[in-house]
Amino acid sequence: MATNLPSLPLVVLNLLGLAGIIVWHLQGRGRPNARLVVQIIFFAAMTATLVAAQVAPFRFERIHQEASTRFLVDCAKVLWWTHLAWAVIGFTRIYIVLDKRPREARLIQDLLIAVVYLSTALSIMAFVFGVPIGTLLATSGVVAIILGLALQNTLSDVFSGIALTIGRPYVLGEWILLADGTEGRVVASNWRATCILTSANNLIVLPNSVLAKLGLTNFSRPTETHQIKLPIRIAPTLPPGTLMEVLRLALDNCNLISKEVPPTVSLKKMDAIGIDVELLFYVSGPGERIAACNEVIDVVFRHCKANGVALAMPAGSYMIGTESLFDDHLAPTMLSPRELLQAMPVFAALSPSERNAVVSQASTRQFPAGTIIAAESETFSSLMIIQSGVVCRRRNGKNVARLSPGDFFGEYGLLTGTPEGGTFEAVTGVSVYVIGKEALDSIIGSRPELAEDLASRLNKPMSGEHAGADARVRQIAKGPAFWSISNG
């Protein structure tokens, strides 16, 4: 290096370095592209100034330098190496953003940044201050061994996290199931641990080393569509082919299960008192499993009862009694208008005489499969309660909901005098109880709360909710009273 270095280039070099730091901070973390551009500009200007000042940043030389010149040279080299490190880090971050890497890639990014800063620090020590790096590295090796033994578990978590990041068995937001039964959505991942939010809204923090050793099922790949297997046991009161048709119709009638993949009925095995059946259907995501299973069990039970299909005792069970398991009481039975009105909260407040008055004016109508019960522009003048079969509701040519035995519709037209907002079509042969407007008008006059209760159902979105059966209508099918309901 020259004995007397020009002072002006060194001053300009230091000013450029300081200005670059200020501008870099003013850009903020939210503008990585602008930061990188600024960094490249200042780094290029500093490099050109270093060449003009005849300073080699990658070589340590201090022969015959004045104190002031030596200070300017050291500062210039430190600033140059710092800007070089920031430029490399900027390119790394831009690459991760443009490559659309997941948030877990921050782990690799942090690792690369640490390597860059460590390399920069060693370069400054060697080329600016003349520290013998070889001796330092040999000494630090012993320290590294001691630290490695002390931080064995932490380092295991760190490297396991790196392995999980590279392998990418999951990304943030995906739903996973671990071999130990832990199940939930991945919400965070860092150097040491991964956080999983369970369906019970509990946050589980798993060390990466533990997570790397467990088997993992990813419910979100290739999609979150999730298969559910629901085993049931059916009494052999009907031929297996007929049983399959009843169960398949019940699955098709469910609104919460996915229709992209058709549900399946699988006969597993059979003995003298029952047939083991497995219902296979899909839901749009793991979070929909409970609601979908509840609906499937409810709809399957009602369809089985309406078609004379009975549930069987579990295999190996014992029953004390003289009655046959397959007596006539297993024949198809349907809810009567009286029982339906008694189960509905809308009519629960009616006195027995008022209920009998409504029932006495009810009639039964039959609709063959494919019949349009009501067109989209038609206004109902009566309340219709499904006794058996399946009714599909469509709006603008799209299926909105399917109604099962016990569901009712028509209350919208009764109260507003306007069309129901959908077409109702019989998917199968349908039997409905029809309660005319006159029968309802006779009691609404004395009980205004009945009209208010019906009107409150109209405030719900027209997605089949206000036309669906109330929970108490379906609850009757689950109690002992269901088995003794008469047809009168």
Protein backbone atom coordinates (compact mmCIF):
# COMPACT_ATOMS: atom_id res chain seq x y z
CA MET A 1 0.00 0.00 0.00
CA ALA A 2 1.18 3.54 -0.69
CA THR A 3 2.75 5.46 2.16
CA ASN A 4 0.52 8.55 1.84
CA LEU A 5 -2.99 7.69 0.78
CA PRO A 6 -5.15 10.52 -0.53
CA SER A 7 -7.31 11.81 2.29
CA LEU A 8 -10.24 13.02 0.16
CA PRO A 9 -11.17 9.63 -1.33
CA LEU A 10 -10.99 8.08 2.15
CA VAL A 11 -13.25 10.77 3.59
CA VAL A 12 -15.69 10.35 0.70
CA LEU A 13 -15.57 6.58 1.20
CA ASN A 14 -16.49 6.87 4.87
CA LEU A 15 -19.23 9.39 4.13
CA LEU A 16 -20.70 7.05 1.52
CA GLY A 17 -20.68 4.19 4.01
CA LEU A 18 -22.40 6.24 6.73
CA ALA A 19 -24.94 7.65 4.25
CA GLY A 20 -25.70 4.13 3.02
CA ILE A 21 -26.41 2.99 6.58
CA ILE A 22 -28.77 5.92 7.20
CA VAL A 23 -30.65 5.46 3.92
CA TRP A 24 -30.82 1.68 4.50
CA HIS A 25 -32.53 2.21 7.84
CA LEU A 26 -34.88 4.84 6.45
CA GLN A 27 -36.18 2.39 3.82
CA GLY A 28 -37.64 0.15 6.56
CA ARG A 29 -38.23 -3.59 6.63
CA GLY A 30 -41.39 -3.32 4.55
CA ARG A 31 -39.45 -2.36 1.39
CA PRO A 32 -36.88 -5.13 0.79
CA ASN A 33 -36.56 -4.38 -2.94
CA ALA A 34 -35.83 -0.69 -2.37
CA ARG A 35 -33.36 -1.60 0.36
CA LEU A 36 -31.51 -3.92 -1.98
CA VAL A 37 -31.33 -1.34 -4.77
CA VAL A 38 -29.99 1.30 -2.36
CA GLN A 39 -27.51 -1.18 -0.97
CA ILE A 40 -26.20 -2.12 -4.42
CA ILE A 41 -25.81 1.54 -5.42
CA PHE A 42 -23.86 2.50 -2.29
CA PHE A 43 -21.77 -0.68 -2.40
CA ALA A 44 -20.83 -0.03 -6.05
CA ALA A 45 -19.92 3.57 -5.26
CA MET A 46 -17.79 2.49 -2.27
CA THR A 47 -16.00 -0.13 -4.36
CA ALA A 48 -15.16 2.42 -7.05
CA THR A 49 -13.88 4.82 -4.39
CA LEU A 50 -11.75 2.05 -2.81
CA VAL A 51 -10.14 1.37 -6.18
CA ALA A 52 -9.49 5.09 -6.67
CA ALA A 53 -7.96 5.32 -3.18
CA GLN A 54 -5.84 2.23 -3.87
CA VAL A 55 -7.19 0.42 -0.78
CA ALA A 56 -7.45 -3.39 -0.90
CA PRO A 57 -10.21 -4.43 1.57
CA PHE A 58 -9.15 -8.10 1.41
CA ARG A 59 -5.52 -7.50 2.42
CA PHE A 60 -4.05 -6.33 5.73
CA GLU A 61 -1.27 -3.70 5.30
CA ARG A 62 -0.27 -0.90 7.68
CA ILE A 63 3.35 -0.12 6.76
CA HIS A 64 4.33 3.56 7.17
CA GLN A 65 0.74 4.78 7.60
CA GLU A 66 -0.07 7.87 9.60
CA ALA A 67 -2.50 7.51 12.50
CA SER A 68 -5.22 9.59 10.82
CA THR A 69 -4.85 7.75 7.55
CA ARG A 70 -4.85 4.40 9.32
CA PHE A 71 -8.10 5.31 11.10
CA LEU A 72 -9.80 6.34 7.84
CA VAL A 73 -8.62 3.17 6.10
CA ASP A 74 -9.86 0.91 8.91
CA CYS A 75 -13.24 2.63 9.01
CA ALA A 76 -13.55 2.44 5.23
CA LYS A 77 -12.78 -1.29 5.21
CA VAL A 78 -15.26 -1.99 8.03
CA LEU A 79 -17.97 -0.05 6.22
CA TRP A 80 -17.19 -1.79 2.93
CA TRP A 81 -17.41 -5.28 4.47
CA THR A 82 -20.63 -4.30 6.27
CA HIS A 83 -22.26 -3.12 3.03
CA LEU A 84 -21.08 -6.28 1.29
CA ALA A 85 -22.75 -8.40 3.98
CA TRP A 86 -26.00 -6.42 3.69
CA ALA A 87 -26.00 -6.75 -0.10
CA VAL A 88 -25.60 -10.54 0.11
CA ILE A 89 -28.37 -10.72 2.75
CA GLY A 90 -30.62 -8.56 0.56
CA PHE A 91 -30.15 -10.94 -2.40
CA THR A 92 -30.95 -13.89 -0.11
CA ARG A 93 -34.21 -12.36 1.08
CA ILE A 94 -35.26 -11.32 -2.41
CA TYR A 95 -34.62 -14.85 -3.66
CA ILE A 96 -36.84 -16.33 -0.95
CA VAL A 97 -39.63 -13.85 -1.70
CA LEU A 98 -39.51 -14.30 -5.48
CA ASP A 99 -39.28 -18.06 -5.13
CA LYS A 100 -42.47 -18.01 -3.04
CA ARG A 101 -40.90 -19.95 -0.25
CA PRO A 102 -43.06 -20.68 2.82
CA ARG A 103 -42.63 -18.91 6.09
CA GLU A 104 -40.60 -21.87 7.36
CA ALA A 105 -37.87 -20.75 4.91
CA ARG A 106 -37.09 -18.00 7.40
CA LEU A 107 -35.19 -20.68 9.32
CA ILE A 108 -32.83 -21.20 6.38
CA GLN A 109 -32.72 -17.46 5.81
CA ASP A 110 -31.68 -16.85 9.41
CA LEU A 111 -29.03 -19.55 9.09
CA LEU A 112 -27.59 -17.97 5.92
CA ILE A 113 -27.64 -14.53 7.51
CA ALA A 114 -25.75 -15.90 10.52
CA VAL A 115 -23.13 -17.42 8.19
CA VAL A 116 -22.78 -14.13 6.29
CA TYR A 117 -22.35 -12.09 9.47
CA LEU A 118 -19.86 -14.60 10.90
CA SER A 119 -17.83 -14.57 7.69
CA THR A 120 -17.91 -10.78 7.63
CA ALA A 121 -16.78 -10.55 11.25
CA LEU A 122 -13.86 -12.92 10.59
CA SER A 123 -12.91 -11.01 7.43
CA ILE A 124 -12.88 -7.69 9.32
CA MET A 125 -10.76 -9.18 12.08
CA ALA A 126 -8.28 -10.62 9.57
CA PHE A 127 -8.07 -7.89 6.90
CA VAL A 128 -8.68 -4.80 9.03
CA PHE A 129 -7.14 -5.56 12.41
CA GLY A 130 -4.72 -8.31 11.42
CA VAL A 131 -5.98 -10.92 13.91
CA PRO A 132 -4.57 -14.40 13.16
CA ILE A 133 -7.76 -16.26 12.23
CA GLY A 134 -6.09 -19.68 12.15
CA THR A 135 -5.11 -19.48 15.82
CA LEU A 136 -8.52 -18.08 16.72
CA LEU A 137 -10.33 -20.90 14.94
CA ALA A 138 -8.17 -23.52 16.65
CA THR A 139 -8.94 -22.00 20.04
CA SER A 140 -12.63 -21.61 19.27
CA GLY A 141 -12.84 -25.31 18.31
CA VAL A 142 -12.32 -26.33 21.93
CA VAL A 143 -14.91 -23.79 23.05
CA ALA A 144 -17.29 -25.09 20.39
CA ILE A 145 -16.97 -28.64 21.70
CA ILE A 146 -17.78 -27.51 25.23
CA LEU A 147 -20.75 -25.45 24.05
CA GLY A 148 -21.96 -28.33 21.86
CA LEU A 149 -22.09 -30.70 24.83
CA ALA A 150 -23.84 -28.10 26.97
CA LEU A 151 -26.36 -27.21 24.26
CA GLN A 152 -26.89 -30.72 22.91
CA ASN A 153 -30.69 -30.70 23.17
CA THR A 154 -31.00 -27.19 21.77
CA LEU A 155 -28.73 -27.97 18.83
CA SER A 156 -30.73 -31.14 18.19
CA ASP A 157 -33.89 -29.03 17.95
CA VAL A 158 -32.16 -26.53 15.64
CA PHE A 159 -30.85 -29.11 13.17
CA SER A 160 -34.12 -31.04 13.29
CA GLY A 161 -35.87 -27.79 12.41
CA ILE A 162 -33.51 -27.34 9.47
CA ALA A 163 -34.24 -30.90 8.30
CA LEU A 164 -38.00 -30.33 8.59
CA THR A 165 -37.70 -27.07 6.68
CA ILE A 166 -35.75 -28.66 3.84
CA GLY A 167 -38.00 -31.73 3.69
CA ARG A 168 -41.18 -29.60 3.97
CA PRO A 169 -43.56 -32.31 5.26
CA TYR A 170 -45.89 -29.44 6.17
CA VAL A 171 -46.16 -25.67 5.89
CA LEU A 172 -47.86 -23.12 8.09
CA GLY A 173 -51.64 -23.41 8.04
CA GLU A 174 -51.78 -27.13 7.22
CA TRP A 175 -53.61 -29.69 9.36
CA ILE A 176 -51.46 -32.59 10.57
CA LEU A 177 -51.83 -35.72 12.69
CA LEU A 178 -48.84 -37.10 14.60
CA ALA A 179 -48.19 -40.71 15.53
CA ASP A 180 -48.78 -39.94 19.22
CA GLY A 181 -52.33 -38.73 18.47
CA THR A 182 -51.60 -35.00 18.44
CA GLU A 183 -53.75 -33.35 15.81
CA GLY A 184 -54.16 -29.74 14.76
CA ARG A 185 -53.13 -26.92 12.46
CA VAL A 186 -49.52 -25.70 12.27
CA VAL A 187 -49.53 -22.03 13.30
CA ALA A 188 -45.85 -21.27 13.98
CA SER A 189 -42.39 -22.72 13.45
CA ASN A 190 -39.05 -21.41 14.63
CA TRP A 191 -35.52 -22.55 15.37
CA ARG A 192 -36.44 -24.68 18.35
CA ALA A 193 -40.10 -25.71 18.23
CA THR A 194 -43.29 -26.00 16.18
CA CYS A 195 -46.64 -24.76 17.49
CA ILE A 196 -49.83 -26.73 16.71
CA LEU A 197 -53.33 -25.37 17.38
CA THR A 198 -55.72 -28.24 18.16
CA SER A 199 -59.45 -28.41 17.51
CA ALA A 200 -59.94 -27.80 21.27
CA ASN A 201 -58.23 -24.40 20.77
CA ASN A 202 -55.18 -25.48 22.74
CA LEU A 203 -51.67 -24.55 21.61
CA ILE A 204 -49.20 -27.45 21.69
CA VAL A 205 -45.48 -26.59 21.48
CA LEU A 206 -43.40 -29.52 20.22
CA PRO A 207 -39.58 -29.44 20.11
CA ASN A 208 -38.38 -29.97 16.56
CA SER A 209 -36.28 -32.97 17.60
CA VAL A 210 -39.40 -34.71 18.94
CA LEU A 211 -41.46 -33.78 15.90
CA ALA A 212 -38.79 -35.10 13.51
CA LYS A 213 -38.95 -38.55 15.12
CA LEU A 214 -42.73 -38.93 14.96
CA GLY A 215 -44.71 -40.25 12.02
CA LEU A 216 -46.83 -37.53 10.45
CA THR A 217 -50.04 -37.51 8.41
CA ASN A 218 -50.75 -34.31 6.49
CA PHE A 219 -54.51 -33.82 6.07
CA SER A 220 -54.03 -30.75 3.86
CA ARG A 221 -52.27 -32.49 0.96
CA PRO A 222 -53.09 -32.74 -1.83
CA THR A 223 -56.28 -31.00 -0.58
CA GLU A 224 -58.04 -30.70 2.78
CA THR A 225 -60.83 -32.98 1.59
CA HIS A 226 -60.93 -35.60 4.33
CA GLN A 227 -62.43 -39.08 4.29
CA ILE A 228 -64.50 -40.33 7.22
CA LYS A 229 -65.36 -43.96 7.91
CA LEU A 230 -68.49 -44.48 9.99
CA PRO A 231 -69.20 -48.13 10.97
CA ILE A 232 -72.79 -49.17 11.71
CA ARG A 233 -74.51 -52.50 12.23
CA ILE A 234 -77.82 -53.25 10.51
CA ALA A 235 -80.34 -55.98 11.31
CA PRO A 236 -80.94 -58.25 8.27
CA THR A 237 -84.62 -57.37 7.88
CA LEU A 238 -84.17 -56.61 4.17
CA PRO A 239 -81.87 -57.98 1.44
CA PRO A 240 -78.37 -56.44 1.52
CA GLY A 241 -78.91 -54.78 -1.85
CA THR A 242 -81.97 -52.96 -0.52
CA LEU A 243 -80.10 -51.96 2.62
CA MET A 244 -77.33 -50.47 0.50
CA GLU A 245 -79.83 -48.43 -1.52
CA VAL A 246 -81.43 -47.03 1.65
CA LEU A 247 -78.06 -46.08 3.13
CA ARG A 248 -76.77 -44.65 -0.15
CA LEU A 249 -79.91 -42.51 -0.46
CA ALA A 250 -79.41 -41.28 3.10
CA LEU A 251 -75.81 -40.27 2.35
CA ASP A 252 -76.86 -38.48 -0.82
CA ASN A 253 -79.39 -36.58 1.27
CA CYS A 254 -76.76 -35.11 3.63
CA ASN A 255 -75.87 -31.46 3.05
CA LEU A 256 -72.57 -31.20 4.96
CA ILE A 257 -70.61 -33.94 3.22
CA SER A 258 -68.66 -33.32 0.03
CA LYS A 259 -70.30 -34.30 -3.24
CA GLU A 260 -67.08 -34.03 -5.28
CA VAL A 261 -66.30 -37.63 -4.36
CA PRO A 262 -69.49 -39.74 -4.16
CA PRO A 263 -70.09 -41.37 -0.75
CA THR A 264 -69.78 -45.15 -0.60
CA VAL A 265 -71.56 -47.91 1.30
CA SER A 266 -69.35 -50.93 2.01
CA LEU A 267 -70.68 -54.23 3.37
CA LYS A 268 -67.95 -55.64 5.58
CA LYS A 269 -69.31 -58.90 7.00
CA MET A 270 -72.54 -60.62 8.07
CA ASP A 271 -73.72 -63.01 10.76
CA ALA A 272 -77.08 -64.32 11.97
CA ILE A 273 -78.11 -61.14 13.78
CA GLY A 274 -76.54 -58.32 11.83
CA ILE A 275 -74.64 -56.93 8.87
CA ASP A 276 -71.57 -54.79 9.47
CA VAL A 277 -71.61 -51.77 7.17
CA GLU A 278 -69.07 -49.01 6.73
CA LEU A 279 -70.16 -45.62 5.42
CA LEU A 280 -67.38 -43.76 3.62
CA PHE A 281 -67.84 -40.08 2.83
CA TYR A 282 -65.74 -36.93 2.50
CA VAL A 283 -65.82 -33.52 4.15
CA SER A 284 -64.25 -30.30 2.92
CA GLY A 285 -61.82 -30.13 5.84
CA PRO A 286 -60.89 -31.80 9.13
CA GLY A 287 -62.79 -29.15 11.06
CA GLU A 288 -66.07 -30.30 9.47
CA ARG A 289 -65.89 -33.88 10.74
CA ILE A 290 -68.03 -33.56 13.87
CA ALA A 291 -70.87 -31.64 12.21
CA ALA A 292 -70.86 -33.99 9.20
CA CYS A 293 -70.91 -37.14 11.38
CA ASN A 294 -73.79 -35.75 13.43
CA GLU A 295 -75.79 -35.06 10.29
CA VAL A 296 -75.02 -38.45 8.74
CA ILE A 297 -76.07 -40.33 11.89
CA ASP A 298 -79.28 -38.34 12.14
CA VAL A 299 -80.25 -38.66 8.47
CA VAL A 300 -79.29 -42.35 8.26
CA PHE A 301 -81.38 -43.15 11.35
CA ARG A 302 -84.46 -41.40 9.99
CA HIS A 303 -84.15 -43.03 6.58
CA CYS A 304 -83.65 -46.44 8.16
CA LYS A 305 -86.74 -46.02 10.32
CA ALA A 306 -88.84 -44.78 7.42
CA ASN A 307 -87.82 -47.80 5.30
CA GLY A 308 -88.06 -50.53 7.94
CA VAL A 309 -84.30 -50.90 8.41
CA ALA A 310 -83.36 -51.63 12.03
CA LEU A 311 -80.05 -51.27 13.79
CA ALA A 312 -78.59 -54.53 15.09
CA MET A 313 -77.02 -55.38 18.41
CA PRO A 314 -73.21 -55.41 18.49
CA ALA A 315 -71.58 -58.73 17.70
CA GLY A 316 -71.25 -60.87 20.83
CA SER A 317 -74.08 -59.08 22.67
CA TYR A 318 -76.69 -60.98 24.65
CA MET A 319 -80.38 -60.10 24.83
CA ILE A 320 -82.75 -61.53 27.47
CA GLY A 321 -86.36 -61.79 26.27
CA THR A 322 -88.78 -63.81 24.24
CA GLU A 323 -89.54 -61.34 21.46
CA SER A 324 -87.88 -61.79 18.12
CA LEU A 325 -85.46 -59.16 16.97
CA PHE A 326 -87.34 -58.91 13.71
CA ASP A 327 -90.96 -58.54 14.82
CA ASP A 328 -93.53 -56.52 12.95
CA HIS A 329 -92.67 -53.37 14.91
CA LEU A 330 -89.65 -53.04 12.62
CA ALA A 331 -91.91 -52.41 9.66
CA PRO A 332 -91.69 -48.95 8.12
CA THR A 333 -93.34 -46.35 10.35
CA MET A 334 -93.83 -42.66 9.74
CA LEU A 335 -94.34 -39.75 12.07
CA SER A 336 -97.97 -38.68 12.39
CA PRO A 337 -98.97 -35.01 12.21
CA ARG A 338 -99.80 -35.04 15.92
CA GLU A 339 -96.33 -36.22 16.91
CA LEU A 340 -94.65 -33.83 14.50
CA LEU A 341 -96.57 -30.84 15.85
CA GLN A 342 -95.83 -31.87 19.42
CA ALA A 343 -92.10 -32.13 18.68
CA MET A 344 -91.79 -28.77 16.93
CA PRO A 345 -91.09 -25.80 19.23
CA VAL A 346 -93.23 -23.70 16.87
CA PHE A 347 -96.32 -25.72 17.86
CA ALA A 348 -95.23 -27.01 21.28
CA ALA A 349 -97.24 -24.34 23.12
CA LEU A 350 -100.53 -25.45 21.55
CA SER A 351 -103.06 -27.06 23.79
CA PRO A 352 -104.15 -30.63 22.99
CA SER A 353 -107.45 -29.35 21.60
CA GLU A 354 -105.73 -26.82 19.36
CA ARG A 355 -103.25 -29.43 18.18
CA ASN A 356 -106.08 -31.88 17.41
CA ALA A 357 -107.89 -29.17 15.49
CA VAL A 358 -104.87 -28.63 13.26
CA VAL A 359 -104.29 -32.36 12.82
CA SER A 360 -107.92 -33.01 11.89
CA GLN A 361 -107.53 -30.66 8.92
CA ALA A 362 -104.19 -32.14 7.77
CA SER A 363 -104.04 -34.22 4.62
CA THR A 364 -101.49 -36.53 3.03
CA ARG A 365 -100.13 -36.11 -0.48
CA GLN A 366 -97.92 -38.43 -2.50
CA PHE A 367 -95.39 -37.29 -5.10
CA PRO A 368 -93.60 -39.74 -7.45
CA ALA A 369 -89.85 -39.40 -7.94
CA GLY A 370 -88.95 -36.50 -10.23
CA THR A 371 -92.14 -34.55 -9.55
CA ILE A 372 -91.84 -30.79 -9.08
CA ILE A 373 -93.67 -30.14 -5.81
CA ALA A 374 -93.40 -26.38 -6.20
CA ALA A 375 -91.77 -24.25 -8.88
CA GLU A 376 -89.39 -21.40 -8.04
CA SER A 377 -92.06 -18.78 -8.73
CA GLU A 378 -94.85 -20.62 -6.89
CA THR A 379 -96.17 -19.45 -3.53
CA PHE A 380 -97.05 -22.03 -0.88
CA SER A 381 -100.47 -21.82 0.73
CA SER A 382 -99.82 -24.60 3.24
CA LEU A 383 -97.14 -26.00 5.51
CA MET A 384 -95.67 -29.27 4.22
CA ILE A 385 -94.03 -31.80 6.53
CA ILE A 386 -92.10 -34.67 4.93
CA GLN A 387 -93.35 -38.05 6.09
CA SER A 388 -91.09 -40.20 3.91
CA GLY A 389 -88.74 -39.78 0.97
CA VAL A 390 -86.30 -37.05 -0.07
CA VAL A 391 -87.03 -33.55 -1.38
CA CYS A 392 -84.35 -31.49 -3.12
CA ARG A 393 -84.47 -27.72 -3.01
CA ARG A 394 -82.88 -25.86 -5.92
CA ARG A 395 -82.36 -22.19 -6.56
CA ASN A 396 -81.17 -20.77 -9.87
CA GLY A 397 -80.55 -24.32 -11.05
CA LYS A 398 -78.22 -25.18 -8.14
CA ASN A 399 -78.91 -27.59 -5.30
CA VAL A 400 -79.37 -25.65 -2.06
CA ALA A 401 -80.40 -28.42 0.35
CA ARG A 402 -81.98 -31.85 0.63
CA LEU A 403 -84.83 -32.44 3.05
CA SER A 404 -85.40 -35.74 4.88
CA PRO A 405 -88.37 -37.26 6.74
CA GLY A 406 -89.31 -34.84 9.53
CA ASP A 407 -88.19 -31.69 7.67
CA PHE A 408 -90.79 -29.11 6.68
CA PHE A 409 -91.11 -26.24 4.22
CA GLY A 410 -93.65 -23.69 3.07
CA GLU A 411 -93.62 -21.34 6.08
CA TYR A 412 -92.09 -18.54 3.98
CA GLY A 413 -95.04 -18.41 1.60
CA LEU A 414 -97.54 -18.71 4.45
CA LEU A 415 -96.30 -15.63 6.26
CA THR A 416 -95.11 -13.39 3.43
CA GLY A 417 -97.35 -14.43 0.55
CA THR A 418 -94.32 -14.49 -1.74
CA PRO A 419 -92.54 -17.38 -3.52
CA GLU A 420 -90.32 -19.59 -1.38
CA GLY A 421 -87.27 -18.69 -3.47
CA GLY A 422 -86.54 -22.15 -4.78
CA THR A 423 -87.82 -25.19 -6.63
CA PHE A 424 -88.79 -28.23 -4.56
CA GLU A 425 -88.48 -31.56 -6.37
CA ALA A 426 -89.13 -35.10 -5.17
CA VAL A 427 -85.87 -37.05 -5.49
CA THR A 428 -87.63 -40.28 -4.51
CA GLY A 429 -91.25 -41.14 -3.92
CA VAL A 430 -92.33 -38.61 -1.30
CA SER A 431 -95.19 -38.56 1.19
CA VAL A 432 -95.94 -35.24 2.88
CA TYR A 433 -98.41 -34.02 5.47
CA VAL A 434 -100.13 -30.85 4.31
CA ILE A 435 -101.44 -28.37 6.90
CA GLY A 436 -103.48 -25.72 5.14
CA LYS A 437 -103.37 -21.99 5.77
CA GLU A 438 -106.91 -22.03 7.10
CA ALA A 439 -105.98 -24.47 9.86
CA LEU A 440 -103.06 -22.29 10.90
CA ASP A 441 -105.01 -19.04 10.67
CA SER A 442 -107.54 -20.35 13.17
CA ILE A 443 -104.92 -20.52 15.93
CA ILE A 444 -102.53 -17.74 14.87
CA GLY A 445 -105.24 -15.20 15.64
CA SER A 446 -105.33 -16.28 19.29
CA ARG A 447 -101.61 -17.02 19.55
CA PRO A 448 -99.57 -14.22 17.90
CA GLU A 449 -96.36 -15.73 19.33
CA LEU A 450 -96.81 -18.59 16.86
CA ALA A 451 -96.55 -16.18 13.92
CA GLU A 452 -93.55 -14.49 15.54
CA ASP A 453 -91.80 -17.83 15.96
CA LEU A 454 -92.40 -18.74 12.34
CA ALA A 455 -91.31 -15.27 11.23
CA SER A 456 -88.05 -15.56 13.16
CA ARG A 457 -87.10 -18.50 10.96
CA LEU A 458 -87.34 -16.29 7.86
CA ASN A 459 -84.43 -14.14 9.08
CA LYS A 460 -82.01 -17.01 8.50
CA PRO A 461 -80.07 -17.21 5.20
CA MET A 462 -82.02 -18.99 2.49
CA SER A 463 -79.65 -21.93 2.33
CA GLY A 464 -82.01 -24.60 3.54
CA GLU A 465 -81.71 -23.63 7.19
CA HIS A 466 -85.15 -22.12 7.59
CA ALA A 467 -86.64 -25.04 5.67
CA GLY A 468 -84.82 -27.70 7.69
CA ALA A 469 -86.28 -29.66 10.54
CA ASP A 470 -85.90 -28.27 14.01
CA ALA A 471 -83.64 -30.15 16.38
CA ARG A 472 -86.62 -31.31 18.45
CA VAL A 473 -88.29 -32.75 15.36
CA ARG A 474 -85.27 -34.93 14.83
CA GLN A 475 -84.82 -35.62 18.53
CA ILE A 476 -88.08 -37.55 18.67
CA ALA A 477 -86.61 -40.09 16.28
CA LYS A 478 -83.88 -40.81 18.82
CA GLY A 479 -86.10 -41.41 21.84
CA PRO A 480 -88.13 -44.44 22.90
CA ALA A 481 -91.36 -42.68 21.88
CA PHE A 482 -90.40 -43.10 18.25
CA TRP A 483 -90.89 -46.85 18.41
CA SER A 484 -94.49 -46.56 19.55
CA ILE A 485 -95.66 -43.84 17.17
CA SER A 486 -98.83 -44.82 15.35
CA ASN A 487 -99.84 -43.83 11.88
CA GLY A 488 -103.00 -42.07 13.06
